[in-house]
PDB file of N, CA and C in Angstrom:
ATOM      1  N   MET A   1      73.854  87.929  82.581  1.00  0.00           N
ATOM      2  CA  MET A   1      74.557  89.150  82.276  1.00  0.00           C
ATOM      3  C   MET A   1      75.639  88.864  81.241  1.00  0.00           C
ATOM      4  N   LYS A   2      75.724  89.707  80.251  1.00  0.00           N
ATOM      5  CA  LYS A   2      76.699  89.549  79.174  1.00  0.00           C
ATOM      6  C   LYS A   2      78.093  89.956  79.667  1.00  0.00           C
ATOM      7  N   GLU A   3      79.065  89.135  79.328  1.00  0.00           N
ATOM      8  CA  GLU A   3      80.448  89.436  79.703  1.00  0.00           C
ATOM      9  C   GLU A   3      80.986  90.567  78.833  1.00  0.00           C
ATOM     10  N   PRO A   4      81.584  91.587  79.448  1.00  0.00           N
ATOM     11  CA  PRO A   4      82.103  92.705  78.651  1.00  0.00           C
ATOM     12  C   PRO A   4      83.333  92.304  77.848  1.00  0.00           C
ATOM     13  N   LYS A   5      83.563  92.988  76.739  1.00  0.00           N
ATOM     14  CA  LYS A   5      84.771  92.764  75.955  1.00  0.00           C
ATOM     15  C   LYS A   5      85.938  93.421  76.687  1.00  0.00           C
ATOM     16  N   VAL A   6      87.058  92.726  76.693  1.00  0.00           N
ATOM     17  CA  VAL A   6      88.241  93.230  77.388  1.00  0.00           C
ATOM     18  C   VAL A   6      89.407  93.238  76.405  1.00  0.00           C
ATOM     19  N   LEU A   7      90.072  94.390  76.315  1.00  0.00           N
ATOM     20  CA  LEU A   7      91.247  94.552  75.468  1.00  0.00           C
ATOM     21  C   LEU A   7      92.404  94.967  76.359  1.00  0.00           C
ATOM     22  N   VAL A   8      93.523  94.234  76.254  1.00  0.00           N
ATOM     23  CA  VAL A   8      94.681  94.510  77.095  1.00  0.00           C
ATOM     24  C   VAL A   8      95.890  94.789  76.213  1.00  0.00           C
ATOM     25  N   TYR A   9      96.441  95.982  76.360  1.00  0.00           N
ATOM     26  CA  TYR A   9      97.700  96.302  75.697  1.00  0.00           C
ATOM     27  C   TYR A   9      98.809  95.816  76.618  1.00  0.00           C
ATOM     28  N   ILE A  10      99.701  94.994  76.073  1.00  0.00           N
ATOM     29  CA  ILE A  10     100.769  94.401  76.872  1.00  0.00           C
ATOM     30  C   ILE A  10     102.124  94.671  76.230  1.00  0.00           C
ATOM     31  N   SER A  11     103.173  94.402  77.003  1.00  0.00           N
ATOM     32  CA  SER A  11     104.534  94.462  76.472  1.00  0.00           C
ATOM     33  C   SER A  11     105.290  93.221  76.961  1.00  0.00           C
ATOM     34  N   ASN A  12     106.358  92.903  76.277  1.00  0.00           N
ATOM     35  CA  ASN A  12     107.162  91.734  76.629  1.00  0.00           C
ATOM     36  C   ASN A  12     107.881  91.945  77.957  1.00  0.00           C
ATOM     37  N   ASN A  13     108.095  90.851  78.663  1.00  0.00           N
ATOM     38  CA  ASN A  13     108.878  90.844  79.908  1.00  0.00           C
ATOM     39  C   ASN A  13     108.355  91.808  80.965  1.00  0.00           C
ATOM     40  N   SER A  14     107.051  91.934  81.070  1.00  0.00           N
ATOM     41  CA  SER A  14     106.438  92.810  82.060  1.00  0.00           C
ATOM     42  C   SER A  14     105.685  91.971  83.082  1.00  0.00           C
ATOM     43  N   LYS A  15     106.122  92.028  84.332  1.00  0.00           N
ATOM     44  CA  LYS A  15     105.456  91.286  85.408  1.00  0.00           C
ATOM     45  C   LYS A  15     104.022  91.776  85.595  1.00  0.00           C
ATOM     46  N   GLU A  16     103.821  93.086  85.468  1.00  0.00           N
ATOM     47  CA  GLU A  16     102.479  93.649  85.604  1.00  0.00           C
ATOM     48  C   GLU A  16     101.539  93.076  84.529  1.00  0.00           C
ATOM     49  N   CYS A  17     102.027  92.995  83.303  1.00  0.00           N
ATOM     50  CA  CYS A  17     101.213  92.434  82.213  1.00  0.00           C
ATOM     51  C   CYS A  17     100.912  90.960  82.481  1.00  0.00           C
ATOM     52  N   GLU A  18     101.907  90.230  82.929  1.00  0.00           N
ATOM     53  CA  GLU A  18     101.715  88.813  83.265  1.00  0.00           C
ATOM     54  C   GLU A  18     100.666  88.649  84.356  1.00  0.00           C
ATOM     55  N   ASN A  19     100.696  89.535  85.360  1.00  0.00           N
ATOM     56  CA  ASN A  19      99.711  89.471  86.447  1.00  0.00           C
ATOM     57  C   ASN A  19      98.296  89.711  85.947  1.00  0.00           C
ATOM     58  N   VAL A  20      98.130  90.665  85.037  1.00  0.00           N
ATOM     59  CA  VAL A  20      96.804  90.944  84.471  1.00  0.00           C
ATOM     60  C   VAL A  20      96.284  89.730  83.718  1.00  0.00           C
ATOM     61  N   ILE A  21      97.125  89.171  82.854  1.00  0.00           N
ATOM     62  CA  ILE A  21      96.711  88.005  82.059  1.00  0.00           C
ATOM     63  C   ILE A  21      96.374  86.822  82.962  1.00  0.00           C
ATOM     64  N   GLN A  22      97.191  86.595  83.975  1.00  0.00           N
ATOM     65  CA  GLN A  22      96.934  85.500  84.918  1.00  0.00           C
ATOM     66  C   GLN A  22      95.599  85.716  85.634  1.00  0.00           C
ATOM     67  N   PHE A  23      95.345  86.944  86.064  1.00  0.00           N
ATOM     68  CA  PHE A  23      94.087  87.264  86.735  1.00  0.00           C
ATOM     69  C   PHE A  23      92.896  86.972  85.822  1.00  0.00           C
ATOM     70  N   LEU A  24      92.965  87.450  84.586  1.00  0.00           N
ATOM     71  CA  LEU A  24      91.862  87.230  83.641  1.00  0.00           C
ATOM     72  C   LEU A  24      91.640  85.748  83.382  1.00  0.00           C
ATOM     73  N   GLN A  25      92.709  84.994  83.270  1.00  0.00           N
ATOM     74  CA  GLN A  25      92.589  83.557  83.045  1.00  0.00           C
ATOM     75  C   GLN A  25      91.995  82.848  84.261  1.00  0.00           C
ATOM     76  N   GLU A  26      92.426  83.231  85.451  1.00  0.00           N
ATOM     77  CA  GLU A  26      91.897  82.618  86.676  1.00  0.00           C
ATOM     78  C   GLU A  26      90.401  82.845  86.823  1.00  0.00           C
ATOM     79  N   TRP A  27      89.929  84.008  86.383  1.00  0.00           N
ATOM     80  CA  TRP A  27      88.513  84.336  86.488  1.00  0.00           C
ATOM     81  C   TRP A  27      87.742  83.963  85.220  1.00  0.00           C
ATOM     82  N   HIS A  28      88.411  83.286  84.288  1.00  0.00           N
ATOM     83  CA  HIS A  28      87.797  82.813  83.040  1.00  0.00           C
ATOM     84  C   HIS A  28      87.157  83.961  82.251  1.00  0.00           C
ATOM     85  N   ILE A  29      87.890  85.071  82.182  1.00  0.00           N
ATOM     86  CA  ILE A  29      87.437  86.238  81.429  1.00  0.00           C
ATOM     87  C   ILE A  29      88.042  86.177  80.035  1.00  0.00           C
ATOM     88  N   THR A  30      87.209  86.288  79.025  1.00  0.00           N
ATOM     89  CA  THR A  30      87.678  86.317  77.648  1.00  0.00           C
ATOM     90  C   THR A  30      88.281  87.693  77.375  1.00  0.00           C
ATOM     91  N   TYR A  31      89.439  87.700  76.746  1.00  0.00           N
ATOM     92  CA  TYR A  31      90.126  88.963  76.498  1.00  0.00           C
ATOM     93  C   TYR A  31      90.915  88.878  75.199  1.00  0.00           C
ATOM     94  N   GLN A  32      91.271  90.036  74.692  1.00  0.00           N
ATOM     95  CA  GLN A  32      92.123  90.156  73.507  1.00  0.00           C
ATOM     96  C   GLN A  32      93.354  90.938  73.942  1.00  0.00           C
ATOM     97  N   THR A  33      94.517  90.563  73.425  1.00  0.00           N
ATOM     98  CA  THR A  33      95.728  91.319  73.738  1.00  0.00           C
ATOM     99  C   THR A  33      96.276  91.977  72.483  1.00  0.00           C
ATOM    100  N   LYS A  34      96.947  93.094  72.714  1.00  0.00           N
ATOM    101  CA  LYS A  34      97.696  93.779  71.659  1.00  0.00           C
ATOM    102  C   LYS A  34      99.078  94.065  72.246  1.00  0.00           C
ATOM    103  N   ASN A  35     100.086  93.435  71.674  1.00  0.00           N
ATOM    104  CA  ASN A  35     101.446  93.580  72.167  1.00  0.00           C
ATOM    105  C   ASN A  35     102.109  94.778  71.495  1.00  0.00           C
ATOM    106  N   VAL A  36     102.567  95.727  72.315  1.00  0.00           N
ATOM    107  CA  VAL A  36     103.162  96.948  71.776  1.00  0.00           C
ATOM    108  C   VAL A  36     104.596  96.741  71.309  1.00  0.00           C
ATOM    109  N   ASN A  37     105.251  95.666  71.774  1.00  0.00           N
ATOM    110  CA  ASN A  37     106.612  95.372  71.328  1.00  0.00           C
ATOM    111  C   ASN A  37     106.629  94.671  69.979  1.00  0.00           C
ATOM    112  N   GLU A  38     105.634  93.847  69.749  1.00  0.00           N
ATOM    113  CA  GLU A  38     105.604  93.033  68.537  1.00  0.00           C
ATOM    114  C   GLU A  38     104.940  93.731  67.361  1.00  0.00           C
ATOM    115  N   GLN A  39     104.082  94.693  67.639  1.00  0.00           N
ATOM    116  CA  GLN A  39     103.387  95.432  66.578  1.00  0.00           C
ATOM    117  C   GLN A  39     103.471  96.924  66.878  1.00  0.00           C
ATOM    118  N   ARG A  40     104.244  97.627  66.107  1.00  0.00           N
ATOM    119  CA  ARG A  40     104.406  99.074  66.312  1.00  0.00           C
ATOM    120  C   ARG A  40     103.061  99.810  66.226  1.00  0.00           C
ATOM    121  N   ALA A  41     102.166  99.315  65.390  1.00  0.00           N
ATOM    122  CA  ALA A  41     100.841  99.940  65.251  1.00  0.00           C
ATOM    123  C   ALA A  41     100.087  99.910  66.577  1.00  0.00           C
ATOM    124  N   ASN A  42     100.272  98.843  67.367  1.00  0.00           N
ATOM    125  CA  ASN A  42      99.616  98.763  68.674  1.00  0.00           C
ATOM    126  C   ASN A  42     100.143  99.848  69.609  1.00  0.00           C
ATOM    127  N   MET A  43     101.446 100.095  69.550  1.00  0.00           N
ATOM    128  CA  MET A  43     102.029 101.144  70.377  1.00  0.00           C
ATOM    129  C   MET A  43     101.482 102.507  69.963  1.00  0.00           C
ATOM    130  N   LYS A  44     101.377 102.729  68.660  1.00  0.00           N
ATOM    131  CA  LYS A  44     100.849 104.001  68.148  1.00  0.00           C
ATOM    132  C   LYS A  44      99.400 104.215  68.604  1.00  0.00           C
ATOM    133  N   GLU A  45      98.581 103.142  68.542  1.00  0.00           N
ATOM    134  CA  GLU A  45      97.189 103.225  68.993  1.00  0.00           C
ATOM    135  C   GLU A  45      97.128 103.702  70.436  1.00  0.00           C
ATOM    136  N   LEU A  46      97.945 103.091  71.271  1.00  0.00           N
ATOM    137  CA  LEU A  46      97.955 103.422  72.689  1.00  0.00           C
ATOM    138  C   LEU A  46      98.445 104.852  72.917  1.00  0.00           C
ATOM    139  N   GLN A  47      99.497 105.237  72.230  1.00  0.00           N
ATOM    140  CA  GLN A  47     100.034 106.588  72.368  1.00  0.00           C
ATOM    141  C   GLN A  47      99.047 107.644  71.881  1.00  0.00           C
ATOM    142  N   ASN A  48      98.289 107.308  70.852  1.00  0.00           N
ATOM    143  CA  ASN A  48      97.269 108.241  70.356  1.00  0.00           C
ATOM    144  C   ASN A  48      96.174 108.492  71.394  1.00  0.00           C
ATOM    145  N   LEU A  49      96.060 107.586  72.360  1.00  0.00           N
ATOM    146  CA  LEU A  49      95.102 107.747  73.454  1.00  0.00           C
ATOM    147  C   LEU A  49      95.742 108.460  74.650  1.00  0.00           C
ATOM    148  N   GLY A  50      97.020 108.816  74.501  1.00  0.00           N
ATOM    149  CA  GLY A  50      97.728 109.495  75.581  1.00  0.00           C
ATOM    150  C   GLY A  50      98.272 108.559  76.642  1.00  0.00           C
ATOM    151  N   ILE A  51      98.399 107.287  76.298  1.00  0.00           N
ATOM    152  CA  ILE A  51      98.897 106.283  77.245  1.00  0.00           C
ATOM    153  C   ILE A  51     100.240 105.781  76.749  1.00  0.00           C
ATOM    154  N   TYR A  52     101.215 105.747  77.654  1.00  0.00           N
ATOM    155  CA  TYR A  52     102.581 105.398  77.257  1.00  0.00           C
ATOM    156  C   TYR A  52     103.146 104.221  78.040  1.00  0.00           C
ATOM    157  N   GLY A  53     102.295 103.492  78.744  1.00  0.00           N
ATOM    158  CA  GLY A  53     102.759 102.347  79.509  1.00  0.00           C
ATOM    159  C   GLY A  53     101.791 101.189  79.430  1.00  0.00           C
ATOM    160  N   THR A  54     102.288 100.030  79.785  1.00  0.00           N
ATOM    161  CA  THR A  54     101.467  98.825  79.815  1.00  0.00           C
ATOM    162  C   THR A  54     101.587  98.197  81.197  1.00  0.00           C
ATOM    163  N   PRO A  55     100.610  97.406  81.577  1.00  0.00           N
ATOM    164  CA  PRO A  55      99.392  97.078  80.852  1.00  0.00           C
ATOM    165  C   PRO A  55      98.381  98.235  80.882  1.00  0.00           C
ATOM    166  N   ALA A  56      97.600  98.291  79.837  1.00  0.00           N
ATOM    167  CA  ALA A  56      96.478  99.212  79.748  1.00  0.00           C
ATOM    168  C   ALA A  56      95.264  98.366  79.381  1.00  0.00           C
ATOM    169  N   ILE A  57      94.280  98.350  80.257  1.00  0.00           N
ATOM    170  CA  ILE A  57      93.129  97.461  80.098  1.00  0.00           C
ATOM    171  C   ILE A  57      91.888  98.277  79.797  1.00  0.00           C
ATOM    172  N   PHE A  58      91.230  97.934  78.712  1.00  0.00           N
ATOM    173  CA  PHE A  58      89.995  98.597  78.313  1.00  0.00           C
ATOM    174  C   PHE A  58      88.852  97.599  78.464  1.00  0.00           C
ATOM    175  N   VAL A  59      87.867  97.973  79.269  1.00  0.00           N
ATOM    176  CA  VAL A  59      86.699  97.127  79.501  1.00  0.00           C
ATOM    177  C   VAL A  59      85.506  97.808  78.863  1.00  0.00           C
ATOM    178  N   GLU A  60      84.828  97.083  78.007  1.00  0.00           N
ATOM    179  CA  GLU A  60      83.655  97.616  77.310  1.00  0.00           C
ATOM    180  C   GLU A  60      82.664  98.214  78.308  1.00  0.00           C
ATOM    181  N   GLY A  61      82.210  99.413  77.989  1.00  0.00           N
ATOM    182  CA  GLY A  61      81.217 100.071  78.821  1.00  0.00           C
ATOM    183  C   GLY A  61      81.811 100.975  79.891  1.00  0.00           C
ATOM    184  N   GLU A  62      83.116 100.947  80.062  1.00  0.00           N
ATOM    185  CA  GLU A  62      83.773 101.796  81.064  1.00  0.00           C
ATOM    186  C   GLU A  62      84.412 102.985  80.365  1.00  0.00           C
ATOM    187  N   LYS A  63      84.355 104.138  80.993  1.00  0.00           N
ATOM    188  CA  LYS A  63      84.847 105.375  80.388  1.00  0.00           C
ATOM    189  C   LYS A  63      86.366 105.449  80.354  1.00  0.00           C
ATOM    190  N   GLU A  64      87.011 104.923  81.383  1.00  0.00           N
ATOM    191  CA  GLU A  64      88.459 105.046  81.496  1.00  0.00           C
ATOM    192  C   GLU A  64      89.123 103.675  81.474  1.00  0.00           C
ATOM    193  N   PRO A  65      90.329 103.595  80.918  1.00  0.00           N
ATOM    194  CA  PRO A  65      91.078 102.334  80.980  1.00  0.00           C
ATOM    195  C   PRO A  65      91.665 102.145  82.372  1.00  0.00           C
ATOM    196  N   ILE A  66      92.045 100.936  82.665  1.00  0.00           N
ATOM    197  CA  ILE A  66      92.765 100.619  83.895  1.00  0.00           C
ATOM    198  C   ILE A  66      94.233 100.562  83.516  1.00  0.00           C
ATOM    199  N   LEU A  67      95.040 101.363  84.182  1.00  0.00           N
ATOM    200  CA  LEU A  67      96.465 101.405  83.883  1.00  0.00           C
ATOM    201  C   LEU A  67      97.216 100.651  84.963  1.00  0.00           C
ATOM    202  N   GLY A  68      98.019  99.689  84.563  1.00  0.00           N
ATOM    203  CA  GLY A  68      98.728  98.852  85.520  1.00  0.00           C
ATOM    204  C   GLY A  68      97.813  97.747  86.025  1.00  0.00           C
ATOM    205  N   PHE A  69      98.353  96.915  86.897  1.00  0.00           N
ATOM    206  CA  PHE A  69      97.568  95.822  87.469  1.00  0.00           C
ATOM    207  C   PHE A  69      96.904  96.306  88.750  1.00  0.00           C
ATOM    208  N   GLN A  70      95.670  96.774  88.594  1.00  0.00           N
ATOM    209  CA  GLN A  70      94.866  97.224  89.723  1.00  0.00           C
ATOM    210  C   GLN A  70      93.760  96.194  89.931  1.00  0.00           C
ATOM    211  N   LYS A  71      94.075  95.191  90.716  1.00  0.00           N
ATOM    212  CA  LYS A  71      93.195  94.033  90.897  1.00  0.00           C
ATOM    213  C   LYS A  71      91.778  94.433  91.302  1.00  0.00           C
ATOM    214  N   ASN A  72      91.645  95.298  92.291  1.00  0.00           N
ATOM    215  CA  ASN A  72      90.309  95.650  92.779  1.00  0.00           C
ATOM    216  C   ASN A  72      89.512  96.430  91.743  1.00  0.00           C
ATOM    217  N   LYS A  73      90.164  97.339  91.062  1.00  0.00           N
ATOM    218  CA  LYS A  73      89.487  98.110  90.019  1.00  0.00           C
ATOM    219  C   LYS A  73      89.073  97.193  88.873  1.00  0.00           C
ATOM    220  N   LEU A  74      89.916  96.247  88.537  1.00  0.00           N
ATOM    221  CA  LEU A  74      89.606  95.290  87.479  1.00  0.00           C
ATOM    222  C   LEU A  74      88.398  94.444  87.860  1.00  0.00           C
ATOM    223  N   LYS A  75      88.364  93.971  89.098  1.00  0.00           N
ATOM    224  CA  LYS A  75      87.206  93.197  89.573  1.00  0.00           C
ATOM    225  C   LYS A  75      85.932  94.034  89.500  1.00  0.00           C
ATOM    226  N   TYR A  76      86.040  95.268  89.900  1.00  0.00           N
ATOM    227  CA  TYR A  76      84.892  96.178  89.890  1.00  0.00           C
ATOM    228  C   TYR A  76      84.385  96.388  88.470  1.00  0.00           C
ATOM    229  N   TYR A  77      85.287  96.709  87.560  1.00  0.00           N
ATOM    230  CA  TYR A  77      84.903  96.945  86.159  1.00  0.00           C
ATOM    231  C   TYR A  77      84.294  95.699  85.512  1.00  0.00           C
ATOM    232  N   LEU A  78      84.767  94.526  85.896  1.00  0.00           N
ATOM    233  CA  LEU A  78      84.294  93.279  85.290  1.00  0.00           C
ATOM    234  C   LEU A  78      83.049  92.718  85.968  1.00  0.00           C
ATOM    235  N   GLY A  79      82.571  93.401  87.001  1.00  0.00           N
ATOM    236  CA  GLY A  79      81.374  92.928  87.691  1.00  0.00           C
ATOM    237  C   GLY A  79      81.636  91.756  88.608  1.00  0.00           C
ATOM    238  N   LEU A  80      82.889  91.573  89.024  1.00  0.00           N
ATOM    239  CA  LEU A  80      83.247  90.474  89.911  1.00  0.00           C
ATOM    240  C   LEU A  80      83.200  90.896  91.375  1.00  0.00           C
ATOM    241  N   ALA A  81      82.865  92.147  91.611  1.00  0.00           N
ATOM    242  CA  ALA A  81      82.807  92.684  92.962  1.00  0.00           C
ATOM    243  C   ALA A  81      81.474  93.384  93.170  1.00  0.00           C
ATOM    244  N   ASP A  82      81.142  93.612  94.400  1.00  0.00           N
ATOM    245  CA  ASP A  82      79.908  94.294  94.775  1.00  0.00           C
ATOM    246  C   ASP A  82      79.951  95.738  94.280  1.00  0.00           C
ATOM    247  N   LYS A  83      79.085  96.076  93.347  1.00  0.00           N
ATOM    248  CA  LYS A  83      79.067  97.417  92.749  1.00  0.00           C
ATOM    249  C   LYS A  83      78.493  98.472  93.703  1.00  0.00           C
ATOM    250  N   SER A  84      77.999  98.046  94.876  1.00  0.00           N
ATOM    251  CA  SER A  84      77.458  99.031  95.807  1.00  0.00           C
ATOM    252  C   SER A  84      78.558  99.752  96.572  1.00  0.00           C
ATOM    253  N   MET A  85      79.800  99.252  96.456  1.00  0.00           N
ATOM    254  CA  MET A  85      80.911  99.947  97.096  1.00  0.00           C
ATOM    255  C   MET A  85      81.936 100.331  96.038  1.00  0.00           C
ATOM    256  N   THR A  86      82.724 101.285  96.328  1.00  0.00           N
ATOM    257  CA  THR A  86      83.746 101.735  95.406  1.00  0.00           C
ATOM    258  C   THR A  86      84.925 100.768  95.421  1.00  0.00           C
ATOM    259  N   TYR A  87      85.704 100.754  94.357  1.00  0.00           N
ATOM    260  CA  TYR A  87      86.868  99.869  94.310  1.00  0.00           C
ATOM    261  C   TYR A  87      87.981 100.359  95.218  1.00  0.00           C
ATOM    262  N   TYR A  88      87.808 101.503  95.828  1.00  0.00           N
ATOM    263  CA  TYR A  88      88.771 101.988  96.819  1.00  0.00           C
ATOM    264  C   TYR A  88      88.436 101.500  98.223  1.00  0.00           C
ATOM    265  N   SER A  89      87.331 100.789  98.370  1.00  0.00           N
ATOM    266  CA  SER A  89      86.872 100.346  99.675  1.00  0.00           C
ATOM    267  C   SER A  89      87.866  99.406 100.345  1.00  0.00           C
ATOM    268  N   SER A  90      87.907  99.471 101.671  1.00  0.00           N
ATOM    269  CA  SER A  90      88.775  98.583 102.434  1.00  0.00           C
ATOM    270  C   SER A  90      88.253  97.151 102.437  1.00  0.00           C
ATOM    271  N   LEU A  91      87.050  96.942 101.940  1.00  0.00           N
ATOM    272  CA  LEU A  91      86.495  95.595 101.913  1.00  0.00           C
ATOM    273  C   LEU A  91      87.009  94.760 100.744  1.00  0.00           C
ATOM    274  N   PHE A  92      87.753  95.384  99.845  1.00  0.00           N
ATOM    275  CA  PHE A  92      88.307  94.664  98.715  1.00  0.00           C
ATOM    276  C   PHE A  92      89.546  93.871  99.102  1.00  0.00           C
ATOM    277  N   ASP A  93      89.910  92.916  98.267  1.00  0.00           N
ATOM    278  CA  ASP A  93      91.118  92.112  98.458  1.00  0.00           C
ATOM    279  C   ASP A  93      92.350  92.994  98.547  1.00  0.00           C
ATOM    280  N   GLY A  94      93.270  92.569  99.348  1.00  0.00           N
ATOM    281  CA  GLY A  94      94.555  93.224  99.380  1.00  0.00           C
ATOM    282  C   GLY A  94      94.663  94.391 100.339  1.00  0.00           C
ATOM    283  N   TYR A  95      93.556  94.819 100.912  1.00  0.00           N
ATOM    284  CA  TYR A  95      93.628  95.947 101.843  1.00  0.00           C
ATOM    285  C   TYR A  95      94.117  95.443 103.184  1.00  0.00           C
ATOM    286  N   GLU A  96      95.096  96.096 103.716  1.00  0.00           N
ATOM    287  CA  GLU A  96      95.589  95.747 105.039  1.00  0.00           C
ATOM    288  C   GLU A  96      95.480  96.974 105.922  1.00  0.00           C
ATOM    289  N   HIS A  97      94.818  96.817 107.035  1.00  0.00           N
ATOM    290  CA  HIS A  97      94.745  97.921 107.985  1.00  0.00           C
ATOM    291  C   HIS A  97      95.913  97.776 108.935  1.00  0.00           C
ATOM    292  N   LYS A  98      96.762  98.775 108.944  1.00  0.00           N
ATOM    293  CA  LYS A  98      97.919  98.754 109.814  1.00  0.00           C
ATOM    294  C   LYS A  98      97.693  99.753 110.931  1.00  0.00           C
ATOM    295  N   SER A  99      97.678  99.260 112.119  1.00  0.00           N
ATOM    296  CA  SER A  99      97.483 100.126 113.277  1.00  0.00           C
ATOM    297  C   SER A  99      98.833 100.686 113.695  1.00  0.00           C
ATOM    298  N   ASP A 100      98.863 101.977 113.866  1.00  0.00           N
ATOM    299  CA  ASP A 100     100.088 102.640 114.292  1.00  0.00           C
ATOM    300  C   ASP A 100      99.713 103.552 115.453  1.00  0.00           C
ATOM    301  N   ASN A 101     100.180 103.222 116.621  1.00  0.00           N
ATOM    302  CA  ASN A 101      99.810 103.983 117.811  1.00  0.00           C
ATOM    303  C   ASN A 101     100.435 105.365 117.850  1.00  0.00           C
ATOM    304  N   ASN A 102     101.385 105.647 116.968  1.00  0.00           N
ATOM    305  CA  ASN A 102     102.023 106.952 116.949  1.00  0.00           C
ATOM    306  C   ASN A 102     101.179 108.013 116.246  1.00  0.00           C
ATOM    307  N   HIS A 103     100.179 107.594 115.508  1.00  0.00           N
ATOM    308  CA  HIS A 103      99.341 108.538 114.767  1.00  0.00           C
ATOM    309  C   HIS A 103      97.986 108.653 115.442  1.00  0.00           C
ATOM    310  N   ARG A 104      97.553 109.856 115.655  1.00  0.00           N
ATOM    311  CA  ARG A 104      96.219 110.090 116.219  1.00  0.00           C
ATOM    312  C   ARG A 104      95.426 110.946 115.234  1.00  0.00           C
ATOM    313  N   PHE A 105      94.218 110.537 114.978  1.00  0.00           N
ATOM    314  CA  PHE A 105      93.361 111.241 114.034  1.00  0.00           C
ATOM    315  C   PHE A 105      92.187 111.867 114.722  1.00  0.00           C
TER     316      PHE A 105
END
């Protein structure tokens, strides 16, 4: 399977941007970055798409960008997760089921 192209709009001193880059590096995903602080044209590109925050991740073949560090959605878009379930599934990383006896459904 061909690895999709990944473009990440980032900004300086952003923990969220750092988390995205670290995630991509850990999974050995090739990516390109465009820094909105260092190149005003990059900020304009992003704003022309109606996006005003970083990180904004564009994965080739996906209709919508991922805004912020959404680990499960990123895994799903990159094919690192089981595509038979949605990225909102409780089976993904980071989901914690908290039992609260005060709530009855």
